[in-house]
Amino acid sequence: MTGADAERMRAIGRIGGYARAASQTPEELSEAGKRARAVRTANDAARRAALGLPPSKPTPKPLSDEEMRHWKAVVDERFGADYPWANRMQRSRMAVRLAREAAARAAAEAFARRDRGDA
């Protein structure tokens, strides 16, 4: 098969994939996406294991709107409401960072209490 033939077959395959996606219900598309994600995750885990790497960590759950409002208020208290942030996202990132630091401190304190035998 020549390069032109291979490219032609790839183009036909792409068209078929679009046609298949267009004919599926949203539920079927969602299931297909979940299956594809599971295959990618398994392949990545196998690749990491073959290289002797540890498993990848799951993505942390994002803060809820209520939690984000609370931590943005903490950021404003700490830095001042008129702090000159470089962009709009920097304040949100700092809020997430403070929330994660607080969660890590709480977990460390809980483990320390457990190790001491405190209730």
PDB file of N, CA and C in Angstrom:
ATOM      1  N   MET A   1       0.851  -1.165   0.000  1.00  0.00           N
ATOM      2  CA  MET A   1       0.000   0.000   0.000  1.00  0.00           C
ATOM      3  C   MET A   1       0.902   1.236   0.000  1.00  0.00           C
ATOM      4  N   THR A   2       0.621   2.143  -0.885  1.00  0.00           N
ATOM      5  CA  THR A   2       1.414   3.370  -0.977  1.00  0.00           C
ATOM      6  C   THR A   2       0.975   4.368   0.084  1.00  0.00           C
ATOM      7  N   GLY A   3       1.745   5.411   0.234  1.00  0.00           N
ATOM      8  CA  GLY A   3       1.414   6.450   1.201  1.00  0.00           C
ATOM      9  C   GLY A   3       0.097   7.131   0.883  1.00  0.00           C
ATOM     10  N   ALA A   4      -0.173   7.340  -0.410  1.00  0.00           N
ATOM     11  CA  ALA A   4      -1.426   7.982  -0.809  1.00  0.00           C
ATOM     12  C   ALA A   4      -2.617   7.090  -0.464  1.00  0.00           C
ATOM     13  N   ASP A   5      -2.463   5.768  -0.675  1.00  0.00           N
ATOM     14  CA  ASP A   5      -3.547   4.845  -0.347  1.00  0.00           C
ATOM     15  C   ASP A   5      -3.803   4.826   1.160  1.00  0.00           C
ATOM     16  N   ALA A   6      -2.746   4.827   1.929  1.00  0.00           N
ATOM     17  CA  ALA A   6      -2.898   4.815   3.393  1.00  0.00           C
ATOM     18  C   ALA A   6      -3.606   6.072   3.869  1.00  0.00           C
ATOM     19  N   GLU A   7      -3.223   7.208   3.303  1.00  0.00           N
ATOM     20  CA  GLU A   7      -3.870   8.463   3.683  1.00  0.00           C
ATOM     21  C   GLU A   7      -5.343   8.448   3.295  1.00  0.00           C
ATOM     22  N   ARG A   8      -5.659   7.917   2.133  1.00  0.00           N
ATOM     23  CA  ARG A   8      -7.052   7.819   1.668  1.00  0.00           C
ATOM     24  C   ARG A   8      -7.860   6.932   2.610  1.00  0.00           C
ATOM     25  N   MET A   9      -7.286   5.817   3.043  1.00  0.00           N
ATOM     26  CA  MET A   9      -7.992   4.912   3.946  1.00  0.00           C
ATOM     27  C   MET A   9      -8.211   5.568   5.317  1.00  0.00           C
ATOM     28  N   ARG A  10      -7.233   6.324   5.782  1.00  0.00           N
ATOM     29  CA  ARG A  10      -7.396   7.039   7.051  1.00  0.00           C
ATOM     30  C   ARG A  10      -8.534   8.049   6.952  1.00  0.00           C
ATOM     31  N   ALA A  11      -8.607   8.753   5.824  1.00  0.00           N
ATOM     32  CA  ALA A  11      -9.670   9.745   5.633  1.00  0.00           C
ATOM     33  C   ALA A  11     -11.036   9.070   5.619  1.00  0.00           C
ATOM     34  N   ILE A  12     -11.140   7.929   4.951  1.00  0.00           N
ATOM     35  CA  ILE A  12     -12.404   7.198   4.920  1.00  0.00           C
ATOM     36  C   ILE A  12     -12.767   6.730   6.328  1.00  0.00           C
ATOM     37  N   GLY A  13     -11.788   6.253   7.079  1.00  0.00           N
ATOM     38  CA  GLY A  13     -12.032   5.822   8.450  1.00  0.00           C
ATOM     39  C   GLY A  13     -12.529   6.950   9.334  1.00  0.00           C
ATOM     40  N   ARG A  14     -11.962   8.145   9.139  1.00  0.00           N
ATOM     41  CA  ARG A  14     -12.411   9.306   9.905  1.00  0.00           C
ATOM     42  C   ARG A  14     -13.865   9.620   9.593  1.00  0.00           C
ATOM     43  N   ILE A  15     -14.221   9.576   8.334  1.00  0.00           N
ATOM     44  CA  ILE A  15     -15.603   9.861   7.935  1.00  0.00           C
ATOM     45  C   ILE A  15     -16.535   8.834   8.579  1.00  0.00           C
ATOM     46  N   GLY A  16     -16.131   7.573   8.569  1.00  0.00           N
ATOM     47  CA  GLY A  16     -16.939   6.533   9.190  1.00  0.00           C
ATOM     48  C   GLY A  16     -17.118   6.764  10.680  1.00  0.00           C
ATOM     49  N   GLY A  17     -16.053   7.212  11.331  1.00  0.00           N
ATOM     50  CA  GLY A  17     -16.142   7.496  12.764  1.00  0.00           C
ATOM     51  C   GLY A  17     -17.104   8.632  13.055  1.00  0.00           C
ATOM     52  N   TYR A  18     -17.082   9.666  12.237  1.00  0.00           N
ATOM     53  CA  TYR A  18     -18.017  10.779  12.406  1.00  0.00           C
ATOM     54  C   TYR A  18     -19.449  10.314  12.163  1.00  0.00           C
ATOM     55  N   ALA A  19     -19.645   9.492  11.132  1.00  0.00           N
ATOM     56  CA  ALA A  19     -20.987   8.992  10.836  1.00  0.00           C
ATOM     57  C   ALA A  19     -21.502   8.137  11.987  1.00  0.00           C
ATOM     58  N   ARG A  20     -20.647   7.294  12.535  1.00  0.00           N
ATOM     59  CA  ARG A  20     -21.050   6.442  13.656  1.00  0.00           C
ATOM     60  C   ARG A  20     -21.424   7.297  14.855  1.00  0.00           C
ATOM     61  N   ALA A  21     -20.607   8.305  15.163  1.00  0.00           N
ATOM     62  CA  ALA A  21     -20.890   9.180  16.301  1.00  0.00           C
ATOM     63  C   ALA A  21     -22.197   9.938  16.097  1.00  0.00           C
ATOM     64  N   ALA A  22     -22.470  10.354  14.873  1.00  0.00           N
ATOM     65  CA  ALA A  22     -23.692  11.113  14.597  1.00  0.00           C
ATOM     66  C   ALA A  22     -24.935  10.248  14.743  1.00  0.00           C
ATOM     67  N   SER A  23     -24.792   8.941  14.532  1.00  0.00           N
ATOM     68  CA  SER A  23     -25.962   8.061  14.600  1.00  0.00           C
ATOM     69  C   SER A  23     -26.206   7.522  16.005  1.00  0.00           C
ATOM     70  N   GLN A  24     -25.311   7.784  16.954  1.00  0.00           N
ATOM     71  CA  GLN A  24     -25.477   7.260  18.308  1.00  0.00           C
ATOM     72  C   GLN A  24     -26.246   8.234  19.188  1.00  0.00           C
ATOM     73  N   THR A  25     -26.908   7.665  20.199  1.00  0.00           N
ATOM     74  CA  THR A  25     -27.587   8.503  21.186  1.00  0.00           C
ATOM     75  C   THR A  25     -26.545   9.065  22.134  1.00  0.00           C
ATOM     76  N   PRO A  26     -26.883  10.112  22.891  1.00  0.00           N
ATOM     77  CA  PRO A  26     -25.925  10.651  23.850  1.00  0.00           C
ATOM     78  C   PRO A  26     -25.458   9.602  24.874  1.00  0.00           C
ATOM     79  N   GLU A  27     -26.349   8.700  25.274  1.00  0.00           N
ATOM     80  CA  GLU A  27     -25.972   7.657  26.232  1.00  0.00           C
ATOM     81  C   GLU A  27     -24.949   6.708  25.616  1.00  0.00           C
ATOM     82  N   GLU A  28     -25.158   6.340  24.339  1.00  0.00           N
ATOM     83  CA  GLU A  28     -24.217   5.454  23.661  1.00  0.00           C
ATOM     84  C   GLU A  28     -22.855   6.125  23.492  1.00  0.00           C
ATOM     85  N   LEU A  29     -22.862   7.409  23.165  1.00  0.00           N
ATOM     86  CA  LEU A  29     -21.601   8.141  23.041  1.00  0.00           C
ATOM     87  C   LEU A  29     -20.871   8.190  24.379  1.00  0.00           C
ATOM     88  N   SER A  30     -21.631   8.411  25.449  1.00  0.00           N
ATOM     89  CA  SER A  30     -21.039   8.466  26.778  1.00  0.00           C
ATOM     90  C   SER A  30     -20.414   7.123  27.141  1.00  0.00           C
ATOM     91  N   GLU A  31     -21.128   6.037  26.881  1.00  0.00           N
ATOM     92  CA  GLU A  31     -20.593   4.706  27.176  1.00  0.00           C
ATOM     93  C   GLU A  31     -19.329   4.423  26.354  1.00  0.00           C
ATOM     94  N   ALA A  32     -19.349   4.800  25.082  1.00  0.00           N
ATOM     95  CA  ALA A  32     -18.171   4.588  24.234  1.00  0.00           C
ATOM     96  C   ALA A  32     -16.983   5.394  24.756  1.00  0.00           C
ATOM     97  N   GLY A  33     -17.250   6.611  25.192  1.00  0.00           N
ATOM     98  CA  GLY A  33     -16.184   7.445  25.752  1.00  0.00           C
ATOM     99  C   GLY A  33     -15.616   6.847  27.030  1.00  0.00           C
ATOM    100  N   LYS A  34     -16.506   6.307  27.877  1.00  0.00           N
ATOM    101  CA  LYS A  34     -16.042   5.685  29.122  1.00  0.00           C
ATOM    102  C   LYS A  34     -15.194   4.454  28.829  1.00  0.00           C
ATOM    103  N   ARG A  35     -15.617   3.656  27.841  1.00  0.00           N
ATOM    104  CA  ARG A  35     -14.824   2.469  27.477  1.00  0.00           C
ATOM    105  C   ARG A  35     -13.458   2.885  26.940  1.00  0.00           C
ATOM    106  N   ALA A  36     -13.435   3.916  26.088  1.00  0.00           N
ATOM    107  CA  ALA A  36     -12.166   4.384  25.522  1.00  0.00           C
ATOM    108  C   ALA A  36     -11.252   4.915  26.635  1.00  0.00           C
ATOM    109  N   ARG A  37     -11.834   5.655  27.583  1.00  0.00           N
ATOM    110  CA  ARG A  37     -11.038   6.180  28.698  1.00  0.00           C
ATOM    111  C   ARG A  37     -10.455   5.040  29.530  1.00  0.00           C
ATOM    112  N   ALA A  38     -11.260   3.996  29.766  1.00  0.00           N
ATOM    113  CA  ALA A  38     -10.782   2.850  30.542  1.00  0.00           C
ATOM    114  C   ALA A  38      -9.616   2.159  29.833  1.00  0.00           C
ATOM    115  N   VAL A  39      -9.702   2.050  28.501  1.00  0.00           N
ATOM    116  CA  VAL A  39      -8.611   1.426  27.734  1.00  0.00           C
ATOM    117  C   VAL A  39      -7.356   2.285  27.816  1.00  0.00           C
ATOM    118  N   ARG A  40      -7.511   3.620  27.674  1.00  0.00           N
ATOM    119  CA  ARG A  40      -6.347   4.504  27.770  1.00  0.00           C
ATOM    120  C   ARG A  40      -5.704   4.426  29.154  1.00  0.00           C
ATOM    121  N   THR A  41      -6.544   4.379  30.199  1.00  0.00           N
ATOM    122  CA  THR A  41      -6.032   4.288  31.559  1.00  0.00           C
ATOM    123  C   THR A  41      -5.276   2.983  31.767  1.00  0.00           C
ATOM    124  N   ALA A  42      -5.853   1.869  31.271  1.00  0.00           N
ATOM    125  CA  ALA A  42      -5.186   0.568  31.413  1.00  0.00           C
ATOM    126  C   ALA A  42      -3.871   0.546  30.644  1.00  0.00           C
ATOM    127  N   ASN A  43      -3.863   1.096  29.445  1.00  0.00           N
ATOM    128  CA  ASN A  43      -2.628   1.139  28.658  1.00  0.00           C
ATOM    129  C   ASN A  43      -1.561   1.981  29.353  1.00  0.00           C
ATOM    130  N   ASP A  44      -1.977   3.112  29.940  1.00  0.00           N
ATOM    131  CA  ASP A  44      -1.021   3.960  30.641  1.00  0.00           C
ATOM    132  C   ASP A  44      -0.474   3.242  31.867  1.00  0.00           C
ATOM    133  N   ALA A  45      -1.343   2.532  32.599  1.00  0.00           N
ATOM    134  CA  ALA A  45      -0.890   1.791  33.781  1.00  0.00           C
ATOM    135  C   ALA A  45       0.104   0.699  33.381  1.00  0.00           C
ATOM    136  N   ALA A  46      -0.180   0.006  32.278  1.00  0.00           N
ATOM    137  CA  ALA A  46       0.727  -1.050  31.813  1.00  0.00           C
ATOM    138  C   ALA A  46       2.068  -0.456  31.375  1.00  0.00           C
ATOM    139  N   ARG A  47       2.026   0.681  30.688  1.00  0.00           N
ATOM    140  CA  ARG A  47       3.257   1.337  30.251  1.00  0.00           C
ATOM    141  C   ARG A  47       4.088   1.774  31.451  1.00  0.00           C
ATOM    142  N   ARG A  48       3.433   2.359  32.458  1.00  0.00           N
ATOM    143  CA  ARG A  48       4.154   2.810  33.650  1.00  0.00           C
ATOM    144  C   ARG A  48       4.751   1.625  34.399  1.00  0.00           C
ATOM    145  N   ALA A  49       3.986   0.525  34.496  1.00  0.00           N
ATOM    146  CA  ALA A  49       4.493  -0.666  35.190  1.00  0.00           C
ATOM    147  C   ALA A  49       5.697  -1.247  34.449  1.00  0.00           C
ATOM    148  N   ALA A  50       5.639  -1.267  33.119  1.00  0.00           N
ATOM    149  CA  ALA A  50       6.750  -1.809  32.330  1.00  0.00           C
ATOM    150  C   ALA A  50       8.016  -0.966  32.514  1.00  0.00           C
ATOM    151  N   LEU A  51       7.844   0.326  32.750  1.00  0.00           N
ATOM    152  CA  LEU A  51       8.988   1.210  32.955  1.00  0.00           C
ATOM    153  C   LEU A  51       9.428   1.255  34.413  1.00  0.00           C
ATOM    154  N   GLY A  52       8.704   0.542  35.281  1.00  0.00           N
ATOM    155  CA  GLY A  52       9.049   0.541  36.695  1.00  0.00           C
ATOM    156  C   GLY A  52       8.625   1.798  37.422  1.00  0.00           C
ATOM    157  N   LEU A  53       7.644   2.496  36.881  1.00  0.00           N
ATOM    158  CA  LEU A  53       7.158   3.729  37.497  1.00  0.00           C
ATOM    159  C   LEU A  53       5.975   3.422  38.407  1.00  0.00           C
ATOM    160  N   PRO A  54       5.736   4.254  39.424  1.00  0.00           N
ATOM    161  CA  PRO A  54       4.564   4.039  40.278  1.00  0.00           C
ATOM    162  C   PRO A  54       3.282   4.381  39.522  1.00  0.00           C
ATOM    163  N   PRO A  55       2.138   3.884  39.992  1.00  0.00           N
ATOM    164  CA  PRO A  55       0.876   4.235  39.329  1.00  0.00           C
ATOM    165  C   PRO A  55       0.634   5.737  39.405  1.00  0.00           C
ATOM    166  N   SER A  56      -0.064   6.262  38.430  1.00  0.00           N
ATOM    167  CA  SER A  56      -0.338   7.698  38.438  1.00  0.00           C
ATOM    168  C   SER A  56      -1.382   8.003  39.507  1.00  0.00           C
ATOM    169  N   LYS A  57      -1.306   9.201  40.046  1.00  0.00           N
ATOM    170  CA  LYS A  57      -2.235   9.617  41.092  1.00  0.00           C
ATOM    171  C   LYS A  57      -3.523  10.120  40.445  1.00  0.00           C
ATOM    172  N   PRO A  58      -4.664   9.892  41.093  1.00  0.00           N
ATOM    173  CA  PRO A  58      -5.906  10.431  40.543  1.00  0.00           C
ATOM    174  C   PRO A  58      -5.923  11.954  40.660  1.00  0.00           C
ATOM    175  N   THR A  59      -6.627  12.594  39.773  1.00  0.00           N
ATOM    176  CA  THR A  59      -6.761  14.048  39.808  1.00  0.00           C
ATOM    177  C   THR A  59      -7.589  14.444  41.021  1.00  0.00           C
ATOM    178  N   PRO A  60      -7.134  15.411  41.809  1.00  0.00           N
ATOM    179  CA  PRO A  60      -7.924  15.800  42.984  1.00  0.00           C
ATOM    180  C   PRO A  60      -9.278  16.365  42.583  1.00  0.00           C
ATOM    181  N   LYS A  61     -10.264  16.136  43.441  1.00  0.00           N
ATOM    182  CA  LYS A  61     -11.605  16.659  43.188  1.00  0.00           C
ATOM    183  C   LYS A  61     -11.575  18.179  43.277  1.00  0.00           C
ATOM    184  N   PRO A  62     -12.200  18.880  42.335  1.00  0.00           N
ATOM    185  CA  PRO A  62     -12.189  20.344  42.405  1.00  0.00           C
ATOM    186  C   PRO A  62     -13.032  20.844  43.576  1.00  0.00           C
ATOM    187  N   LEU A  63     -12.748  22.060  44.020  1.00  0.00           N
ATOM    188  CA  LEU A  63     -13.515  22.656  45.109  1.00  0.00           C
ATOM    189  C   LEU A  63     -14.922  22.987  44.626  1.00  0.00           C
ATOM    190  N   SER A  64     -15.893  22.840  45.519  1.00  0.00           N
ATOM    191  CA  SER A  64     -17.260  23.249  45.189  1.00  0.00           C
ATOM    192  C   SER A  64     -17.310  24.781  45.147  1.00  0.00           C
ATOM    193  N   ASP A  65     -18.398  25.322  44.626  1.00  0.00           N
ATOM    194  CA  ASP A  65     -18.534  26.780  44.565  1.00  0.00           C
ATOM    195  C   ASP A  65     -18.492  27.387  45.963  1.00  0.00           C
ATOM    196  N   GLU A  66     -19.149  26.715  46.911  1.00  0.00           N
ATOM    197  CA  GLU A  66     -19.172  27.221  48.292  1.00  0.00           C
ATOM    198  C   GLU A  66     -17.773  27.195  48.904  1.00  0.00           C
ATOM    199  N   GLU A  67     -17.038  26.095  48.697  1.00  0.00           N
ATOM    200  CA  GLU A  67     -15.668  26.018  49.209  1.00  0.00           C
ATOM    201  C   GLU A  67     -14.776  27.069  48.554  1.00  0.00           C
ATOM    202  N   MET A  68     -14.949  27.278  47.248  1.00  0.00           N
ATOM    203  CA  MET A  68     -14.137  28.267  46.540  1.00  0.00           C
ATOM    204  C   MET A  68     -14.400  29.666  47.084  1.00  0.00           C
ATOM    205  N   ARG A  69     -15.686  29.987  47.355  1.00  0.00           N
ATOM    206  CA  ARG A  69     -15.993  31.305  47.926  1.00  0.00           C
ATOM    207  C   ARG A  69     -15.310  31.474  49.278  1.00  0.00           C
ATOM    208  N   HIS A  70     -15.362  30.419  50.112  1.00  0.00           N
ATOM    209  CA  HIS A  70     -14.728  30.493  51.428  1.00  0.00           C
ATOM    210  C   HIS A  70     -13.225  30.739  51.299  1.00  0.00           C
ATOM    211  N   TRP A  71     -12.559  29.950  50.451  1.00  0.00           N
ATOM    212  CA  TRP A  71     -11.104  30.061  50.355  1.00  0.00           C
ATOM    213  C   TRP A  71     -10.675  31.342  49.655  1.00  0.00           C
ATOM    214  N   LYS A  72     -11.509  31.869  48.747  1.00  0.00           N
ATOM    215  CA  LYS A  72     -11.186  33.180  48.160  1.00  0.00           C
ATOM    216  C   LYS A  72     -11.280  34.264  49.226  1.00  0.00           C
ATOM    217  N   ALA A  73     -12.233  34.123  50.161  1.00  0.00           N
ATOM    218  CA  ALA A  73     -12.333  35.081  51.264  1.00  0.00           C
ATOM    219  C   ALA A  73     -11.080  34.992  52.135  1.00  0.00           C
ATOM    220  N   VAL A  74     -10.588  33.776  52.369  1.00  0.00           N
ATOM    221  CA  VAL A  74      -9.355  33.601  53.144  1.00  0.00           C
ATOM    222  C   VAL A  74      -8.184  34.262  52.411  1.00  0.00           C
ATOM    223  N   VAL A  75      -8.123  34.086  51.101  1.00  0.00           N
ATOM    224  CA  VAL A  75      -7.061  34.722  50.300  1.00  0.00           C
ATOM    225  C   VAL A  75      -7.142  36.232  50.432  1.00  0.00           C
ATOM    226  N   ASP A  76      -8.367  36.783  50.338  1.00  0.00           N
ATOM    227  CA  ASP A  76      -8.531  38.236  50.461  1.00  0.00           C
ATOM    228  C   ASP A  76      -8.123  38.733  51.847  1.00  0.00           C
ATOM    229  N   GLU A  77      -8.426  37.947  52.896  1.00  0.00           N
ATOM    230  CA  GLU A  77      -8.006  38.340  54.256  1.00  0.00           C
ATOM    231  C   GLU A  77      -6.487  38.336  54.368  1.00  0.00           C
ATOM    232  N   ARG A  78      -5.879  37.322  53.779  1.00  0.00           N
ATOM    233  CA  ARG A  78      -4.428  37.173  53.915  1.00  0.00           C
ATOM    234  C   ARG A  78      -3.662  38.192  53.071  1.00  0.00           C
ATOM    235  N   PHE A  79      -4.114  38.423  51.833  1.00  0.00           N
ATOM    236  CA  PHE A  79      -3.372  39.292  50.918  1.00  0.00           C
ATOM    237  C   PHE A  79      -3.971  40.688  50.780  1.00  0.00           C
ATOM    238  N   GLY A  80      -5.195  40.859  51.248  1.00  0.00           N
ATOM    239  CA  GLY A  80      -5.888  42.129  51.070  1.00  0.00           C
ATOM    240  C   GLY A  80      -6.746  42.078  49.811  1.00  0.00           C
ATOM    241  N   ALA A  81      -7.919  42.670  49.887  1.00  0.00           N
ATOM    242  CA  ALA A  81      -8.868  42.610  48.775  1.00  0.00           C
ATOM    243  C   ALA A  81      -8.354  43.343  47.541  1.00  0.00           C
ATOM    244  N   ASP A  82      -7.448  44.304  47.727  1.00  0.00           N
ATOM    245  CA  ASP A  82      -6.952  45.077  46.588  1.00  0.00           C
ATOM    246  C   ASP A  82      -5.574  44.613  46.123  1.00  0.00           C
ATOM    247  N   TYR A  83      -5.191  43.381  46.451  1.00  0.00           N
ATOM    248  CA  TYR A  83      -3.893  42.853  46.029  1.00  0.00           C
ATOM    249  C   TYR A  83      -3.828  42.806  44.504  1.00  0.00           C
ATOM    250  N   PRO A  84      -2.736  43.259  43.895  1.00  0.00           N
ATOM    251  CA  PRO A  84      -2.652  43.302  42.423  1.00  0.00           C
ATOM    252  C   PRO A  84      -2.294  41.939  41.811  1.00  0.00           C
ATOM    253  N   TRP A  85      -3.291  41.061  41.657  1.00  0.00           N
ATOM    254  CA  TRP A  85      -3.047  39.753  41.052  1.00  0.00           C
ATOM    255  C   TRP A  85      -2.660  39.932  39.587  1.00  0.00           C
ATOM    256  N   ALA A  86      -1.788  39.070  39.102  1.00  0.00           N
ATOM    257  CA  ALA A  86      -1.311  39.174  37.720  1.00  0.00           C
ATOM    258  C   ALA A  86      -2.431  38.892  36.721  1.00  0.00           C
ATOM    259  N   ASN A  87      -3.351  37.977  37.085  1.00  0.00           N
ATOM    260  CA  ASN A  87      -4.501  37.674  36.220  1.00  0.00           C
ATOM    261  C   ASN A  87      -5.631  37.145  37.087  1.00  0.00           C
ATOM    262  N   ARG A  88      -6.781  36.911  36.484  1.00  0.00           N
ATOM    263  CA  ARG A  88      -7.962  36.497  37.247  1.00  0.00           C
ATOM    264  C   ARG A  88      -7.806  35.124  37.882  1.00  0.00           C
ATOM    265  N   MET A  89      -7.070  34.240  37.246  1.00  0.00           N
ATOM    266  CA  MET A  89      -6.946  32.872  37.736  1.00  0.00           C
ATOM    267  C   MET A  89      -5.982  32.750  38.917  1.00  0.00           C
ATOM    268  N   GLN A  90      -5.089  33.686  39.076  1.00  0.00           N
ATOM    269  CA  GLN A  90      -4.076  33.569  40.118  1.00  0.00           C
ATOM    270  C   GLN A  90      -4.711  33.536  41.513  1.00  0.00           C
ATOM    271  N   ARG A  91      -5.733  34.336  41.731  1.00  0.00           N
ATOM    272  CA  ARG A  91      -6.427  34.349  43.025  1.00  0.00           C
ATOM    273  C   ARG A  91      -7.112  33.012  43.276  1.00  0.00           C
ATOM    274  N   SER A  92      -7.737  32.437  42.241  1.00  0.00           N
ATOM    275  CA  SER A  92      -8.394  31.135  42.380  1.00  0.00           C
ATOM    276  C   SER A  92      -7.373  30.039  42.657  1.00  0.00           C
ATOM    277  N   ARG A  93      -6.256  30.084  41.977  1.00  0.00           N
ATOM    278  CA  ARG A  93      -5.217  29.075  42.208  1.00  0.00           C
ATOM    279  C   ARG A  93      -4.679  29.154  43.633  1.00  0.00           C
ATOM    280  N   MET A  94      -4.530  30.366  44.147  1.00  0.00           N
ATOM    281  CA  MET A  94      -4.070  30.522  45.521  1.00  0.00           C
ATOM    282  C   MET A  94      -5.118  29.967  46.483  1.00  0.00           C
ATOM    283  N   ALA A  95      -6.399  30.171  46.195  1.00  0.00           N
ATOM    284  CA  ALA A  95      -7.464  29.623  47.045  1.00  0.00           C
ATOM    285  C   ALA A  95      -7.395  28.096  47.071  1.00  0.00           C
ATOM    286  N   VAL A  96      -7.203  27.472  45.918  1.00  0.00           N
ATOM    287  CA  VAL A  96      -7.096  26.015  45.847  1.00  0.00           C
ATOM    288  C   VAL A  96      -5.865  25.544  46.611  1.00  0.00           C
ATOM    289  N   ARG A  97      -4.766  26.257  46.456  1.00  0.00           N
ATOM    290  CA  ARG A  97      -3.531  25.879  47.160  1.00  0.00           C
ATOM    291  C   ARG A  97      -3.723  25.938  48.663  1.00  0.00           C
ATOM    292  N   LEU A  98      -4.356  27.003  49.171  1.00  0.00           N
ATOM    293  CA  LEU A  98      -4.583  27.120  50.610  1.00  0.00           C
ATOM    294  C   LEU A  98      -5.515  26.022  51.102  1.00  0.00           C
ATOM    295  N   ALA A  99      -6.532  25.678  50.308  1.00  0.00           N
ATOM    296  CA  ALA A  99      -7.458  24.613  50.699  1.00  0.00           C
ATOM    297  C   ALA A  99      -6.731  23.276  50.790  1.00  0.00           C
ATOM    298  N   ARG A 100      -5.885  22.985  49.820  1.00  0.00           N
ATOM    299  CA  ARG A 100      -5.149  21.716  49.839  1.00  0.00           C
ATOM    300  C   ARG A 100      -4.148  21.673  50.989  1.00  0.00           C
ATOM    301  N   GLU A 101      -3.502  22.799  51.273  1.00  0.00           N
ATOM    302  CA  GLU A 101      -2.578  22.842  52.406  1.00  0.00           C
ATOM    303  C   GLU A 101      -3.323  22.599  53.714  1.00  0.00           C
ATOM    304  N   ALA A 102      -4.505  23.205  53.858  1.00  0.00           N
ATOM    305  CA  ALA A 102      -5.300  23.010  55.075  1.00  0.00           C
ATOM    306  C   ALA A 102      -5.735  21.552  55.205  1.00  0.00           C
ATOM    307  N   ALA A 103      -6.116  20.933  54.093  1.00  0.00           N
ATOM    308  CA  ALA A 103      -6.515  19.522  54.124  1.00  0.00           C
ATOM    309  C   ALA A 103      -5.330  18.638  54.502  1.00  0.00           C
ATOM    310  N   ALA A 104      -4.150  18.947  53.995  1.00  0.00           N
ATOM    311  CA  ALA A 104      -2.957  18.163  54.332  1.00  0.00           C
ATOM    312  C   ALA A 104      -2.607  18.315  55.807  1.00  0.00           C
ATOM    313  N   ARG A 105      -2.728  19.540  56.339  1.00  0.00           N
ATOM    314  CA  ARG A 105      -2.458  19.752  57.763  1.00  0.00           C
ATOM    315  C   ARG A 105      -3.463  18.983  58.621  1.00  0.00           C
ATOM    316  N   ALA A 106      -4.731  19.017  58.234  1.00  0.00           N
ATOM    317  CA  ALA A 106      -5.757  18.302  58.995  1.00  0.00           C
ATOM    318  C   ALA A 106      -5.499  16.798  58.984  1.00  0.00           C
ATOM    319  N   ALA A 107      -5.093  16.260  57.840  1.00  0.00           N
ATOM    320  CA  ALA A 107      -4.795  14.831  57.754  1.00  0.00           C
ATOM    321  C   ALA A 107      -3.589  14.484  58.613  1.00  0.00           C
ATOM    322  N   ALA A 108      -2.557  15.318  58.582  1.00  0.00           N
ATOM    323  CA  ALA A 108      -1.364  15.056  59.394  1.00  0.00           C
ATOM    324  C   ALA A 108      -1.703  15.094  60.881  1.00  0.00           C
ATOM    325  N   GLU A 109      -2.537  16.046  61.284  1.00  0.00           N
ATOM    326  CA  GLU A 109      -2.946  16.129  62.683  1.00  0.00           C
ATOM    327  C   GLU A 109      -3.771  14.916  63.091  1.00  0.00           C
ATOM    328  N   ALA A 110      -4.647  14.440  62.192  1.00  0.00           N
ATOM    329  CA  ALA A 110      -5.457  13.263  62.493  1.00  0.00           C
ATOM    330  C   ALA A 110      -4.576  12.028  62.669  1.00  0.00           C
ATOM    331  N   PHE A 111      -3.579  11.870  61.819  1.00  0.00           N
ATOM    332  CA  PHE A 111      -2.660  10.736  61.954  1.00  0.00           C
ATOM    333  C   PHE A 111      -1.855  10.851  63.247  1.00  0.00           C
ATOM    334  N   ALA A 112      -1.436  12.061  63.595  1.00  0.00           N
ATOM    335  CA  ALA A 112      -0.674  12.255  64.826  1.00  0.00           C
ATOM    336  C   ALA A 112      -1.532  11.912  66.043  1.00  0.00           C
ATOM    337  N   ARG A 113      -2.798  12.343  66.054  1.00  0.00           N
ATOM    338  CA  ARG A 113      -3.711  12.000  67.157  1.00  0.00           C
ATOM    339  C   ARG A 113      -3.907  10.496  67.243  1.00  0.00           C
ATOM    340  N   ARG A 114      -4.052   9.856  66.092  1.00  0.00           N
ATOM    341  CA  ARG A 114      -4.244   8.406  66.072  1.00  0.00           C
ATOM    342  C   ARG A 114      -3.014   7.713  66.645  1.00  0.00           C
ATOM    343  N   ASP A 115      -1.839   8.175  66.270  1.00  0.00           N
ATOM    344  CA  ASP A 115      -0.611   7.551  66.743  1.00  0.00           C
ATOM    345  C   ASP A 115      -0.390   7.760  68.241  1.00  0.00           C
ATOM    346  N   ARG A 116      -0.862   8.915  68.756  1.00  0.00           N
ATOM    347  CA  ARG A 116      -0.752   9.180  70.193  1.00  0.00           C
ATOM    348  C   ARG A 116      -1.802   8.429  71.000  1.00  0.00           C
ATOM    349  N   GLY A 117      -2.835   7.966  70.306  1.00  0.00           N
ATOM    350  CA  GLY A 117      -3.930   7.269  70.989  1.00  0.00           C
ATOM    351  C   GLY A 117      -5.028   8.200  71.455  1.00  0.00           C
ATOM    352  N   ASP A 118      -5.013   9.455  70.998  1.00  0.00           N
ATOM    353  CA  ASP A 118      -6.078  10.404  71.344  1.00  0.00           C
ATOM    354  C   ASP A 118      -7.345   9.994  70.596  1.00  0.00           C
ATOM    355  N   ALA A 119      -8.466  10.416  71.153  1.00  0.00           N
ATOM    356  CA  ALA A 119      -9.747  10.076  70.520  1.00  0.00           C
ATOM    357  C   ALA A 119     -10.078  10.992  69.381  1.00  0.00           C
TER     358      ALA A 119
END
